[in-house]
Amino acid sequence: MITRAQDVTSLPFQVCIVGAGPVGLATAFRLEKQGIGVLLVEAGQHDNGGRVVNATNHHHAPRASSMASGLGGTSSLWGGRCVGFDDIDFIERPHVPNSGWPIPHHAVGRYYDDALDFLNVEGPGPVVTSNPLPLGEVHADSMEWWSSKPELANIYREKIEGSQLIHFLPDTSATSIELDASGAASHLHLEGLQGRLRVPVTKLVLAAGGVGNARLLQQLNRAYPGRLSRTLGAYYQGHLTGYIAMIEFHDDAVVDALSFKKTPKGSVFRRRLQLSEYVQHRLGLLNCVFWLDTVSISNALHHSAGFSALFLILQLTGLYRFLANGKAAGSFLRRDVRYRDHLRNLVPSLRALNDLRDTVRQLRRRNRKAPLVNPARRYLLRYHAEQAPDPASAVTPSPSKGEHHRAAVTIDYRVREEDLESIERSHVFLDQWLRKNELGRLDYLHAEEERRQALRDQAYDGFHQIGLTRMAASPENGVVDSDCKVYNADNLYVAGSCVFSTGGHANPTMPAVALAMRLADHLAESIRTVHSIEWAKS
């Protein structure tokens, strides 16, 4: 139900959650299912985060495109891609500094199905499709699922309004946390359209995004010096993504295996290429996946006679600027249109004639939501790569205006040369493997001496906000324990990708929701245990 600020102190809730994005919502609804009362606080239009976040380098996205307030949070910016972790992400790897989680993959993985359901991936089920790739060093077992309704506010607003256990307090920001003499969180200070509030809490979960959670905990650490781990705000990670190569296949079956598919129940999924765990260990590589993106028909790098013919017709008739949306991969690889390259693609040959025929067939029966399949079997190769945890990559507090005002933070999101080298070497290995197995080849977009700089220029994140309050086996190495509880604060918890020890290649939304559901189960069990003890004593 929607609640008013003046009623908060009299509400019957057992868990207070700060943040109503995907993670906060998943936690709240999981607790509701187990009969636990929740106060869900969301900054909404009272969010002033844009005035308290400063980035020190060009690698970090601005707040407007990387953070969002209001019901549903960053799901309003999310494309809907759902990806799980790999077993290798959770183990300590000698070649990945500061790697290793204090929990195994299955502790999170057992919640994946529930997380997919919550994120509106309808009935994924087991995937049975042909896979023409040889088993071994490179595989296509890495799956991505797509939410049919990624903007969660549209799905869960009505459910919150009708809930008797979830009390939703909108347009109210958390400014600080107060501890009692034992070190437990006793009160949460809020500020909203109705003024300031001091709300008593029994169990408090921070789900305000990586930077938001770090800011609140740094404010707490300022008020109670030395209580929290020195790693707070450090080890800031994201994912590195972009293009440095085209990929060309010899066989249509391989392209088909790596293209979008639907399950019988309508779920959309796609396979991605990934180097095996054995290869990652042997070569000392970070986790990375690759997928196919259809290059814009305006870019002659597609080498397709059909695509070039279609583009030239549209361009010369003046229709291209009206029909193009500029969103296709490669639209801006070359800002000048090089007609000579398109004409080369039209050189008469059996392949050119086949390309023209296949393109015409697609246009006649095309699903407008599906990308065009390139008859030349050439695609931009998108990489999505892990970063190693770096303590120097950090979000740090700026001077505060007061004890209970929102503290400013400064973001220094860094990219290591070792991260870029791993991406480059992963491409080299993939190219060698394709050629050795006579499946295809890579065609690089840059000269060898320019590739590292291209990777550096593409290194840009801030959307995934991983590691700032990382999970570890001790407070010397992390902020929260294996149950997401803040060390030295018995009733204070953190949820979201900021607790990930490492990020793997996975887009963090789905595993963050899965981990939040695990946290909700832990909280519900601890509440039931306390009630059982109290009942036994009475």
Protein backbone atom coordinates (compact mmCIF):
# COMPACT_ATOMS: atom_id res chain seq x y z
CA MET A 1 0.00 0.00 0.00
CA ILE A 2 1.08 3.61 -0.53
CA THR A 3 1.75 5.23 2.83
CA ARG A 4 2.18 8.77 4.12
CA ALA A 5 5.27 10.06 5.86
CA GLN A 6 3.38 11.02 9.01
CA ASP A 7 2.15 7.42 9.41
CA VAL A 8 5.54 5.71 9.12
CA THR A 9 6.40 5.49 12.81
CA SER A 10 3.16 3.64 13.56
CA LEU A 11 3.37 1.09 10.73
CA PRO A 12 3.78 -2.64 11.58
CA PHE A 13 6.90 -3.48 9.53
CA GLN A 14 9.81 -5.74 10.41
CA VAL A 15 12.19 -4.91 7.56
CA CYS A 16 12.94 -1.49 6.09
CA ILE A 17 14.28 -1.43 2.52
CA VAL A 18 15.86 1.69 1.01
CA GLY A 19 15.36 1.70 -2.76
CA ALA A 20 12.54 0.41 -4.96
CA GLY A 21 14.53 -0.65 -8.00
CA PRO A 22 14.66 -4.27 -9.23
CA VAL A 23 16.64 -5.43 -6.18
CA GLY A 24 14.55 -3.60 -3.58
CA LEU A 25 11.30 -4.76 -5.18
CA ALA A 26 12.48 -8.37 -5.38
CA THR A 27 13.46 -8.30 -1.69
CA ALA A 28 10.15 -6.75 -0.66
CA PHE A 29 7.93 -9.17 -2.58
CA ARG A 30 9.94 -12.18 -1.41
CA LEU A 31 9.45 -11.06 2.20
CA GLU A 32 5.77 -10.38 1.61
CA LYS A 33 5.33 -13.93 0.32
CA GLN A 34 6.59 -15.16 3.70
CA GLY A 35 4.33 -12.91 5.73
CA ILE A 36 6.93 -10.28 6.64
CA GLY A 37 5.90 -6.62 6.88
CA VAL A 38 8.09 -4.22 4.85
CA LEU A 39 8.62 -0.47 4.70
CA LEU A 40 9.87 0.31 1.17
CA VAL A 41 11.42 3.78 0.90
CA GLU A 42 12.10 5.34 -2.51
CA ALA A 43 13.61 8.77 -3.21
CA GLY A 44 11.64 9.35 -6.42
CA GLN A 45 11.25 13.02 -7.29
CA HIS A 46 12.98 13.96 -4.03
CA ASP A 47 16.20 12.38 -5.29
CA ASN A 48 19.01 14.93 -5.50
CA GLY A 49 21.70 12.43 -6.41
CA GLY A 50 22.69 14.41 -9.50
CA ARG A 51 24.05 17.15 -7.24
CA VAL A 52 26.11 14.82 -5.08
CA VAL A 53 27.92 12.69 -7.66
CA ASN A 54 31.11 13.79 -9.42
CA ALA A 55 33.16 11.64 -11.83
CA THR A 56 36.88 12.25 -12.22
CA ASN A 57 37.49 10.60 -15.59
CA HIS A 58 35.83 9.92 -18.92
CA HIS A 59 35.32 6.19 -18.25
CA HIS A 60 32.16 6.69 -16.15
CA ALA A 61 28.69 7.36 -17.54
CA PRO A 62 26.83 10.45 -16.28
CA ARG A 63 24.19 9.98 -13.63
CA ALA A 64 21.30 10.63 -16.01
CA SER A 65 22.12 7.55 -18.07
CA SER A 66 23.39 5.25 -15.30
CA MET A 67 21.12 5.88 -12.30
CA ALA A 68 17.37 6.33 -12.01
CA SER A 69 15.01 6.96 -9.11
CA GLY A 70 11.33 6.24 -8.69
CA LEU A 71 9.46 2.94 -8.53
CA GLY A 72 11.33 0.41 -10.66
CA GLY A 73 14.61 2.33 -10.41
CA THR A 74 17.09 1.60 -13.16
CA SER A 75 14.71 -0.85 -14.83
CA SER A 76 13.50 2.28 -16.67
CA LEU A 77 16.95 2.34 -18.33
CA TRP A 78 17.40 -1.42 -18.59
CA GLY A 79 17.20 -3.21 -21.92
CA GLY A 80 16.01 -6.48 -20.35
CA ARG A 81 19.05 -8.74 -20.81
CA CYS A 82 19.19 -11.49 -18.14
CA VAL A 83 22.42 -13.49 -17.74
CA GLY A 84 23.68 -15.81 -15.03
CA PHE A 85 27.12 -16.19 -13.53
CA ASP A 86 29.56 -19.04 -14.22
CA ASP A 87 31.13 -21.34 -11.64
CA ILE A 88 34.57 -19.85 -12.38
CA ASP A 89 33.39 -16.41 -11.23
CA PHE A 90 33.08 -17.58 -7.61
CA ILE A 91 36.45 -19.24 -7.15
CA GLU A 92 39.79 -17.67 -6.31
CA ARG A 93 41.80 -17.41 -9.53
CA PRO A 94 45.56 -16.85 -9.27
CA HIS A 95 45.55 -14.67 -12.39
CA VAL A 96 42.68 -12.46 -11.14
CA PRO A 97 43.77 -10.37 -8.14
CA ASN A 98 41.25 -10.07 -5.29
CA SER A 99 39.01 -12.74 -6.82
CA GLY A 100 36.86 -15.33 -5.04
CA TRP A 101 33.50 -15.19 -3.27
CA PRO A 102 32.84 -16.59 0.24
CA ILE A 103 29.86 -18.52 -1.22
CA PRO A 104 29.64 -21.00 -4.13
CA HIS A 105 27.77 -20.29 -7.36
CA HIS A 106 24.88 -22.62 -6.52
CA ALA A 107 24.03 -20.49 -3.46
CA VAL A 108 22.92 -17.80 -5.92
CA GLY A 109 22.13 -19.99 -8.94
CA ARG A 110 19.31 -21.84 -7.22
CA TYR A 111 17.34 -18.56 -7.30
CA TYR A 112 17.81 -17.92 -11.04
CA ASP A 113 14.46 -19.38 -12.09
CA ASP A 114 12.59 -17.26 -9.55
CA ALA A 115 14.60 -14.19 -10.58
CA LEU A 116 13.77 -14.74 -14.27
CA ASP A 117 10.10 -15.06 -13.39
CA PHE A 118 10.20 -11.84 -11.36
CA LEU A 119 11.91 -10.05 -14.28
CA ASN A 120 9.22 -11.20 -16.72
CA VAL A 121 11.11 -13.86 -18.63
CA GLU A 122 8.19 -16.11 -19.40
CA GLY A 123 8.79 -19.83 -18.97
CA PRO A 124 12.39 -20.22 -20.16
CA GLY A 125 12.57 -23.96 -19.43
CA PRO A 126 15.32 -26.18 -20.82
CA VAL A 127 16.74 -25.11 -24.19
CA VAL A 128 17.01 -27.85 -26.79
CA THR A 129 18.47 -26.53 -30.04
CA SER A 130 21.08 -27.78 -32.44
CA ASN A 131 24.60 -26.59 -31.76
CA PRO A 132 26.99 -27.10 -34.69
CA LEU A 133 30.03 -25.86 -32.78
CA PRO A 134 32.66 -28.43 -31.79
CA LEU A 135 32.98 -29.10 -28.06
CA GLY A 136 36.08 -27.93 -26.26
CA GLU A 137 37.97 -24.68 -25.99
CA VAL A 138 35.18 -22.35 -27.14
CA HIS A 139 31.50 -23.05 -26.52
CA ALA A 140 28.07 -21.49 -26.98
CA ASP A 141 26.55 -22.57 -23.65
CA SER A 142 26.43 -19.00 -22.31
CA MET A 143 22.78 -17.96 -22.55
CA GLU A 144 21.11 -14.59 -22.37
CA TRP A 145 17.36 -14.30 -21.77
CA TRP A 146 15.30 -11.20 -22.49
CA SER A 147 12.57 -9.73 -20.33
CA SER A 148 9.30 -9.20 -22.17
CA LYS A 149 8.48 -6.27 -19.83
CA PRO A 150 11.71 -4.76 -18.52
CA GLU A 151 10.25 -1.58 -16.97
CA LEU A 152 9.15 -2.98 -13.62
CA ALA A 153 7.12 0.01 -12.41
CA ASN A 154 4.44 -0.86 -14.93
CA ILE A 155 4.20 -4.41 -13.54
CA TYR A 156 4.51 -3.96 -9.79
CA ARG A 157 2.83 -0.63 -9.00
CA GLU A 158 -0.64 -2.18 -8.76
CA LYS A 159 0.67 -5.08 -6.67
CA ILE A 160 2.24 -2.66 -4.19
CA GLU A 161 -0.94 -0.59 -3.99
CA GLY A 162 -2.93 -3.73 -3.15
CA SER A 163 -0.42 -5.19 -0.69
CA GLN A 164 -1.24 -5.30 3.01
CA LEU A 165 2.35 -6.04 4.01
CA ILE A 166 4.41 -3.73 1.78
CA HIS A 167 4.14 -0.10 2.92
CA PHE A 168 5.54 2.08 0.11
CA LEU A 169 6.87 5.51 1.01
CA PRO A 170 7.62 7.42 -2.23
CA ASP A 171 9.52 10.66 -2.81
CA THR A 172 11.55 10.20 0.36
CA SER A 173 15.32 9.87 0.45
CA ALA A 174 17.44 8.20 3.13
CA THR A 175 20.03 10.62 4.43
CA SER A 176 21.78 8.76 7.26
CA ILE A 177 21.73 5.76 9.60
CA GLU A 178 21.87 5.93 13.39
CA LEU A 179 23.41 3.16 15.52
CA ASP A 180 22.63 2.24 19.12
CA ALA A 181 25.14 1.47 21.86
CA SER A 182 25.53 -2.12 20.67
CA GLY A 183 26.38 -1.04 17.11
CA ALA A 184 23.05 -2.09 15.57
CA ALA A 185 21.10 0.21 13.26
CA SER A 186 18.39 1.80 15.41
CA HIS A 187 17.00 4.62 13.27
CA LEU A 188 16.93 5.69 9.64
CA HIS A 189 16.86 9.41 8.89
CA LEU A 190 14.64 10.35 5.96
CA GLU A 191 13.95 13.54 4.09
CA GLY A 192 10.98 14.11 1.78
CA LEU A 193 8.29 16.47 0.68
CA GLN A 194 6.84 16.34 4.22
CA GLY A 195 10.15 17.28 5.85
CA ARG A 196 12.52 15.13 7.89
CA LEU A 197 11.75 11.88 9.71
CA ARG A 198 13.59 9.68 12.22
CA VAL A 199 12.24 6.15 11.77
CA PRO A 200 13.05 3.25 14.13
CA VAL A 201 14.20 0.09 12.31
CA THR A 202 14.61 -3.55 13.33
CA LYS A 203 16.29 -4.80 10.17
CA LEU A 204 17.53 -2.42 7.48
CA VAL A 205 18.38 -3.31 3.85
CA LEU A 206 20.14 -0.83 1.58
CA ALA A 207 19.11 -1.36 -2.05
CA ALA A 208 19.76 2.13 -3.38
CA GLY A 209 22.23 1.16 -6.12
CA GLY A 210 25.97 0.74 -5.81
CA VAL A 211 26.88 4.41 -5.52
CA GLY A 212 23.83 5.17 -3.35
CA ASN A 213 24.61 2.33 -0.95
CA ALA A 214 28.27 3.36 -0.71
CA ARG A 215 27.26 6.95 0.00
CA LEU A 216 24.95 5.95 2.87
CA LEU A 217 27.57 3.66 4.42
CA GLN A 218 30.29 6.29 4.07
CA GLN A 219 28.01 8.74 5.87
CA LEU A 220 27.62 6.09 8.60
CA ASN A 221 31.37 5.55 8.77
CA ARG A 222 31.90 9.28 9.17
CA ALA A 223 29.51 9.38 12.11
CA TYR A 224 31.02 6.24 13.69
CA PRO A 225 34.69 6.29 12.62
CA GLY A 226 36.46 3.01 12.00
CA ARG A 227 33.40 0.80 12.35
CA LEU A 228 33.13 -0.32 8.73
CA SER A 229 35.63 -2.12 6.51
CA ARG A 230 38.38 -0.09 4.90
CA THR A 231 37.35 -1.63 1.58
CA LEU A 232 34.12 0.43 1.57
CA GLY A 233 33.81 2.24 -1.76
CA ALA A 234 36.81 0.47 -3.29
CA TYR A 235 37.10 -2.29 -5.93
CA TYR A 236 34.65 -0.47 -8.22
CA GLN A 237 34.02 -2.63 -11.30
CA GLY A 238 31.77 -2.66 -14.32
CA HIS A 239 32.02 -4.37 -17.68
CA LEU A 240 34.02 -3.46 -20.74
CA THR A 241 32.10 -3.75 -23.99
CA GLY A 242 32.39 -2.71 -27.60
CA TYR A 243 33.75 -3.86 -30.97
CA ILE A 244 37.23 -4.33 -32.36
CA ALA A 245 36.44 -6.99 -34.97
CA MET A 246 34.00 -8.37 -37.49
CA ILE A 247 33.34 -12.10 -37.48
CA GLU A 248 32.68 -14.08 -40.65
CA PHE A 249 31.36 -17.65 -40.66
CA HIS A 250 31.55 -20.31 -43.35
CA ASP A 251 28.30 -22.04 -42.36
CA ASP A 252 24.73 -20.72 -42.02
CA ALA A 253 24.09 -23.26 -39.25
CA VAL A 254 26.59 -21.54 -36.95
CA VAL A 255 24.97 -18.15 -37.53
CA ASP A 256 21.57 -19.67 -36.85
CA ALA A 257 22.80 -21.24 -33.60
CA LEU A 258 24.00 -17.83 -32.37
CA SER A 259 20.88 -15.91 -33.43
CA PHE A 260 17.83 -14.98 -31.36
CA LYS A 261 15.41 -17.83 -30.64
CA LYS A 262 12.08 -18.31 -28.90
CA THR A 263 11.00 -21.09 -26.58
CA PRO A 264 7.55 -22.67 -27.04
CA LYS A 265 6.30 -20.39 -24.23
CA GLY A 266 7.58 -17.27 -25.98
CA SER A 267 10.79 -16.51 -24.10
CA VAL A 268 13.47 -14.86 -26.21
CA PHE A 269 17.05 -16.06 -25.77
CA ARG A 270 20.38 -16.11 -27.54
CA ARG A 271 23.60 -18.11 -27.28
CA ARG A 272 26.96 -16.36 -26.99
CA LEU A 273 30.50 -17.50 -27.69
CA GLN A 274 32.73 -17.97 -24.65
CA LEU A 275 36.22 -19.29 -24.00
CA SER A 276 36.09 -22.33 -21.72
CA GLU A 277 37.10 -22.19 -18.08
CA TYR A 278 40.12 -24.35 -18.93
CA VAL A 279 41.31 -21.82 -21.53
CA GLN A 280 40.74 -18.91 -19.15
CA HIS A 281 42.87 -20.62 -16.49
CA ARG A 282 45.57 -21.74 -18.93
CA LEU A 283 45.99 -18.35 -20.59
CA GLY A 284 45.27 -16.22 -17.52
CA LEU A 285 42.26 -14.48 -19.04
CA LEU A 286 39.32 -12.69 -17.48
CA ASN A 287 35.81 -13.95 -18.26
CA CYS A 288 34.46 -12.62 -21.54
CA VAL A 289 31.63 -13.43 -23.95
CA PHE A 290 30.99 -12.52 -27.57
CA TRP A 291 27.78 -12.14 -29.53
CA LEU A 292 26.75 -11.17 -33.03
CA ASP A 293 25.41 -7.73 -33.93
CA THR A 294 24.06 -7.02 -37.39
CA VAL A 295 26.02 -4.15 -38.89
CA SER A 296 24.09 -1.21 -40.34
CA ILE A 297 23.32 -1.55 -44.04
CA SER A 298 25.04 1.84 -44.48
CA ASN A 299 28.38 0.35 -43.49
CA ALA A 300 30.00 -1.58 -46.33
CA LEU A 301 31.95 -3.69 -43.84
CA HIS A 302 29.05 -6.13 -43.95
CA HIS A 303 30.37 -7.25 -47.42
CA SER A 304 26.82 -8.13 -48.45
CA ALA A 305 25.69 -7.38 -52.00
CA GLY A 306 22.09 -7.47 -50.82
CA PHE A 307 22.67 -5.00 -47.98
CA SER A 308 24.71 -2.65 -50.21
CA ALA A 309 22.09 -2.75 -52.97
CA LEU A 310 19.33 -1.98 -50.46
CA PHE A 311 21.32 0.89 -48.95
CA LEU A 312 22.24 2.44 -52.31
CA ILE A 313 18.61 2.34 -53.48
CA LEU A 314 17.38 3.96 -50.27
CA GLN A 315 20.19 6.51 -50.21
CA LEU A 316 19.94 7.57 -53.86
CA THR A 317 16.14 7.91 -53.63
CA GLY A 318 16.44 9.98 -50.45
CA LEU A 319 14.49 7.46 -48.37
CA TYR A 320 17.33 6.23 -46.16
CA ARG A 321 17.32 9.22 -43.80
CA PHE A 322 13.60 8.72 -43.18
CA LEU A 323 13.77 4.96 -42.60
CA ALA A 324 17.05 4.68 -40.69
CA ASN A 325 16.93 5.00 -36.90
CA GLY A 326 20.68 5.06 -36.32
CA LYS A 327 20.47 2.30 -33.73
CA ALA A 328 21.91 -0.56 -35.76
CA ALA A 329 25.38 -1.66 -34.70
CA GLY A 330 28.05 0.02 -36.77
CA SER A 331 25.90 2.98 -37.80
CA PHE A 332 28.65 5.34 -36.71
CA LEU A 333 31.77 3.27 -37.38
CA ARG A 334 32.30 5.43 -40.43
CA ARG A 335 30.66 8.82 -40.51
CA ASP A 336 31.29 9.27 -44.24
CA VAL A 337 29.45 7.08 -46.72
CA ARG A 338 32.01 5.32 -48.91
CA TYR A 339 30.09 4.43 -52.05
CA ARG A 340 33.14 2.78 -53.61
CA ASP A 341 33.12 0.14 -50.87
CA HIS A 342 29.42 -0.54 -51.45
CA LEU A 343 30.01 -0.86 -55.19
CA ARG A 344 32.78 -3.38 -54.53
CA ASN A 345 30.23 -5.49 -52.67
CA LEU A 346 28.14 -5.50 -55.86
CA VAL A 347 30.85 -6.94 -58.10
CA PRO A 348 29.02 -9.63 -60.13
CA SER A 349 29.50 -13.09 -58.70
CA LEU A 350 27.43 -16.06 -57.72
CA ARG A 351 27.72 -14.98 -54.07
CA ALA A 352 26.51 -11.46 -54.88
CA LEU A 353 23.48 -12.83 -56.69
CA ASN A 354 22.71 -15.15 -53.78
CA ASP A 355 23.03 -12.24 -51.32
CA LEU A 356 20.60 -10.14 -53.34
CA ARG A 357 18.13 -13.00 -53.50
CA ASP A 358 18.32 -13.70 -49.77
CA THR A 359 17.93 -10.03 -48.85
CA VAL A 360 14.85 -9.67 -51.03
CA ARG A 361 13.35 -12.78 -49.41
CA GLN A 362 13.91 -11.30 -45.94
CA LEU A 363 12.28 -8.02 -46.90
CA ARG A 364 9.21 -9.81 -48.23
CA ARG A 365 8.53 -11.75 -45.01
CA ARG A 366 10.43 -9.69 -42.46
CA ASN A 367 9.54 -9.41 -38.78
CA ARG A 368 10.33 -5.72 -38.17
CA LYS A 369 11.47 -6.43 -34.60
CA ALA A 370 14.07 -8.96 -35.73
CA PRO A 371 17.47 -7.85 -37.09
CA LEU A 372 18.30 -8.57 -40.70
CA VAL A 373 20.32 -11.73 -41.25
CA ASN A 374 23.40 -10.94 -43.32
CA PRO A 375 23.60 -13.31 -46.32
CA ALA A 376 27.37 -12.79 -46.33
CA ARG A 377 27.51 -14.23 -42.76
CA ARG A 378 29.52 -11.24 -41.51
CA TYR A 379 28.67 -9.55 -38.21
CA LEU A 380 30.13 -7.11 -35.77
CA LEU A 381 31.51 -9.11 -32.86
CA ARG A 382 30.42 -7.56 -29.59
CA TYR A 383 32.60 -8.33 -26.55
CA HIS A 384 31.38 -8.06 -22.95
CA ALA A 385 34.22 -8.56 -20.51
CA GLU A 386 34.98 -8.82 -16.82
CA GLN A 387 37.17 -6.36 -14.94
CA ALA A 388 39.53 -7.51 -12.22
CA PRO A 389 38.79 -5.91 -8.81
CA ASP A 390 41.10 -2.93 -8.34
CA PRO A 391 41.21 -1.23 -4.91
CA ALA A 392 42.24 2.05 -6.57
CA SER A 393 38.98 2.16 -8.54
CA ALA A 394 36.73 3.77 -5.98
CA VAL A 395 33.85 5.96 -4.87
CA THR A 396 35.01 8.27 -2.10
CA PRO A 397 33.11 10.69 0.16
CA SER A 398 33.31 14.44 -0.28
CA PRO A 399 32.93 16.87 2.63
CA SER A 400 29.44 16.64 4.15
CA LYS A 401 27.22 19.63 4.86
CA GLY A 402 25.90 18.09 8.06
CA GLU A 403 25.28 14.94 10.04
CA HIS A 404 21.92 14.09 8.47
CA HIS A 405 22.30 15.60 4.98
CA ARG A 406 23.11 13.56 1.89
CA ALA A 407 26.87 13.38 1.54
CA ALA A 408 28.50 14.03 -1.81
CA VAL A 409 30.72 11.41 -3.43
CA THR A 410 33.47 11.45 -6.01
CA ILE A 411 33.76 8.59 -8.52
CA ASP A 412 37.14 7.44 -9.78
CA TYR A 413 36.22 4.47 -11.98
CA ARG A 414 39.42 2.98 -13.40
CA VAL A 415 40.29 0.55 -16.17
CA ARG A 416 43.47 -1.52 -15.89
CA GLU A 417 45.75 -2.23 -18.83
CA GLU A 418 45.53 -5.89 -17.82
CA ASP A 419 41.75 -5.76 -18.40
CA LEU A 420 42.29 -4.47 -21.93
CA GLU A 421 45.05 -6.97 -22.63
CA SER A 422 42.76 -9.84 -21.63
CA ILE A 423 40.10 -8.70 -24.11
CA GLU A 424 42.65 -8.42 -26.89
CA ARG A 425 44.13 -11.86 -26.20
CA SER A 426 40.64 -13.39 -26.01
CA HIS A 427 39.95 -12.14 -29.54
CA VAL A 428 43.24 -13.59 -30.76
CA PHE A 429 42.42 -17.00 -29.30
CA LEU A 430 38.89 -16.96 -30.73
CA ASP A 431 40.23 -16.12 -34.19
CA GLN A 432 42.77 -18.96 -34.02
CA TRP A 433 40.08 -21.39 -32.87
CA LEU A 434 37.69 -20.40 -35.67
CA ARG A 435 40.37 -20.86 -38.31
CA LYS A 436 41.64 -24.15 -36.85
CA ASN A 437 38.12 -25.61 -36.88
CA GLU A 438 37.35 -24.12 -40.32
CA LEU A 439 34.34 -22.27 -38.93
CA GLY A 440 35.28 -18.74 -39.91
CA ARG A 441 37.61 -15.90 -38.98
CA LEU A 442 37.88 -12.46 -37.39
CA ASP A 443 38.46 -9.33 -39.44
CA TYR A 444 39.81 -6.58 -37.17
CA LEU A 445 38.52 -3.03 -37.44
CA HIS A 446 41.85 -1.48 -36.47
CA ALA A 447 45.50 -2.06 -37.20
CA GLU A 448 47.21 -4.20 -34.56
CA GLU A 449 49.05 -1.24 -33.06
CA GLU A 450 45.76 0.68 -32.72
CA ARG A 451 43.63 -2.01 -31.05
CA ARG A 452 44.63 -1.32 -27.48
CA GLN A 453 43.76 2.35 -27.85
CA ALA A 454 40.42 1.40 -29.41
CA LEU A 455 39.68 -0.79 -26.39
CA ARG A 456 40.72 2.02 -24.08
CA ASP A 457 38.45 4.48 -25.88
CA GLN A 458 35.50 2.07 -25.57
CA ALA A 459 36.09 1.43 -21.84
CA TYR A 460 33.01 3.10 -20.42
CA ASP A 461 30.62 1.96 -17.69
CA GLY A 462 28.96 3.10 -14.49
CA PHE A 463 25.74 1.26 -15.30
CA HIS A 464 26.61 -1.92 -13.38
CA GLN A 465 28.26 -0.51 -10.21
CA ILE A 466 29.89 -3.71 -8.97
CA GLY A 467 32.09 -4.27 -5.92
CA LEU A 468 31.72 -1.06 -3.87
CA THR A 469 30.44 -2.95 -0.80
CA ARG A 470 31.90 -6.31 -1.75
CA MET A 471 31.17 -9.63 -0.07
CA ALA A 472 34.13 -11.32 1.61
CA ALA A 473 35.00 -13.84 4.31
CA SER A 474 36.38 -11.13 6.62
CA PRO A 475 36.04 -7.36 7.17
CA GLU A 476 39.66 -6.97 6.09
CA ASN A 477 38.64 -7.99 2.56
CA GLY A 478 35.05 -6.82 2.23
CA VAL A 479 32.14 -4.82 3.62
CA VAL A 480 29.49 -7.55 3.95
CA ASP A 481 29.57 -11.21 4.94
CA SER A 482 28.16 -14.21 3.08
CA ASP A 483 24.61 -13.22 4.15
CA CYS A 484 25.04 -9.65 2.83
CA LYS A 485 25.16 -8.33 6.41
CA VAL A 486 27.46 -5.39 7.05
CA TYR A 487 30.35 -6.40 9.30
CA ASN A 488 30.02 -4.88 12.80
CA ALA A 489 26.34 -4.00 12.32
CA ASP A 490 24.12 -6.94 13.24
CA ASN A 491 20.91 -5.79 11.54
CA LEU A 492 22.21 -3.81 8.55
CA TYR A 493 22.30 -5.46 5.11
CA VAL A 494 23.24 -4.46 1.57
CA ALA A 495 21.62 -5.75 -1.63
CA GLY A 496 22.58 -5.29 -5.25
CA SER A 497 25.51 -5.80 -7.59
CA CYS A 498 27.68 -3.68 -5.28
CA VAL A 499 28.13 -6.77 -3.05
CA PHE A 500 29.50 -8.89 -5.93
CA SER A 501 33.10 -9.86 -5.23
CA THR A 502 33.73 -10.11 -8.97
CA GLY A 503 31.41 -9.39 -11.88
CA GLY A 504 32.19 -12.07 -14.46
CA HIS A 505 30.73 -11.31 -17.87
CA ALA A 506 27.12 -11.31 -16.65
CA ASN A 507 24.88 -8.27 -16.87
CA PRO A 508 24.16 -7.88 -13.15
CA THR A 509 20.38 -7.37 -12.96
CA MET A 510 19.29 -11.02 -12.88
CA PRO A 511 22.00 -12.33 -10.49
CA ALA A 512 21.50 -9.26 -8.27
CA VAL A 513 17.79 -10.07 -8.03
CA ALA A 514 18.63 -13.72 -7.32
CA LEU A 515 21.01 -12.72 -4.52
CA ALA A 516 18.37 -10.34 -3.12
CA MET A 517 15.88 -13.22 -2.97
CA ARG A 518 18.47 -15.26 -1.07
CA LEU A 519 18.86 -12.33 1.36
CA ALA A 520 15.08 -12.11 1.79
CA ASP A 521 14.92 -15.80 2.69
CA HIS A 522 17.71 -15.30 5.22
CA LEU A 523 15.90 -12.34 6.80
CA ALA A 524 12.60 -14.22 6.96
CA GLU A 525 14.27 -17.21 8.60
CA SER A 526 16.03 -15.04 11.19
CA ILE A 527 12.74 -13.28 12.01
CA ARG A 528 10.96 -16.61 12.39
CA THR A 529 13.76 -17.85 14.65
CA VAL A 530 13.49 -14.81 16.91
CA HIS A 531 9.71 -15.22 17.11
CA SER A 532 10.11 -18.91 17.98
CA ILE A 533 12.52 -18.09 20.80
CA GLU A 534 10.23 -15.37 22.13
CA TRP A 535 7.23 -17.71 21.97
CA ALA A 536 9.16 -20.44 23.83
CA LYS A 537 10.09 -17.99 26.59
CA SER A 538 6.53 -16.72 27.04
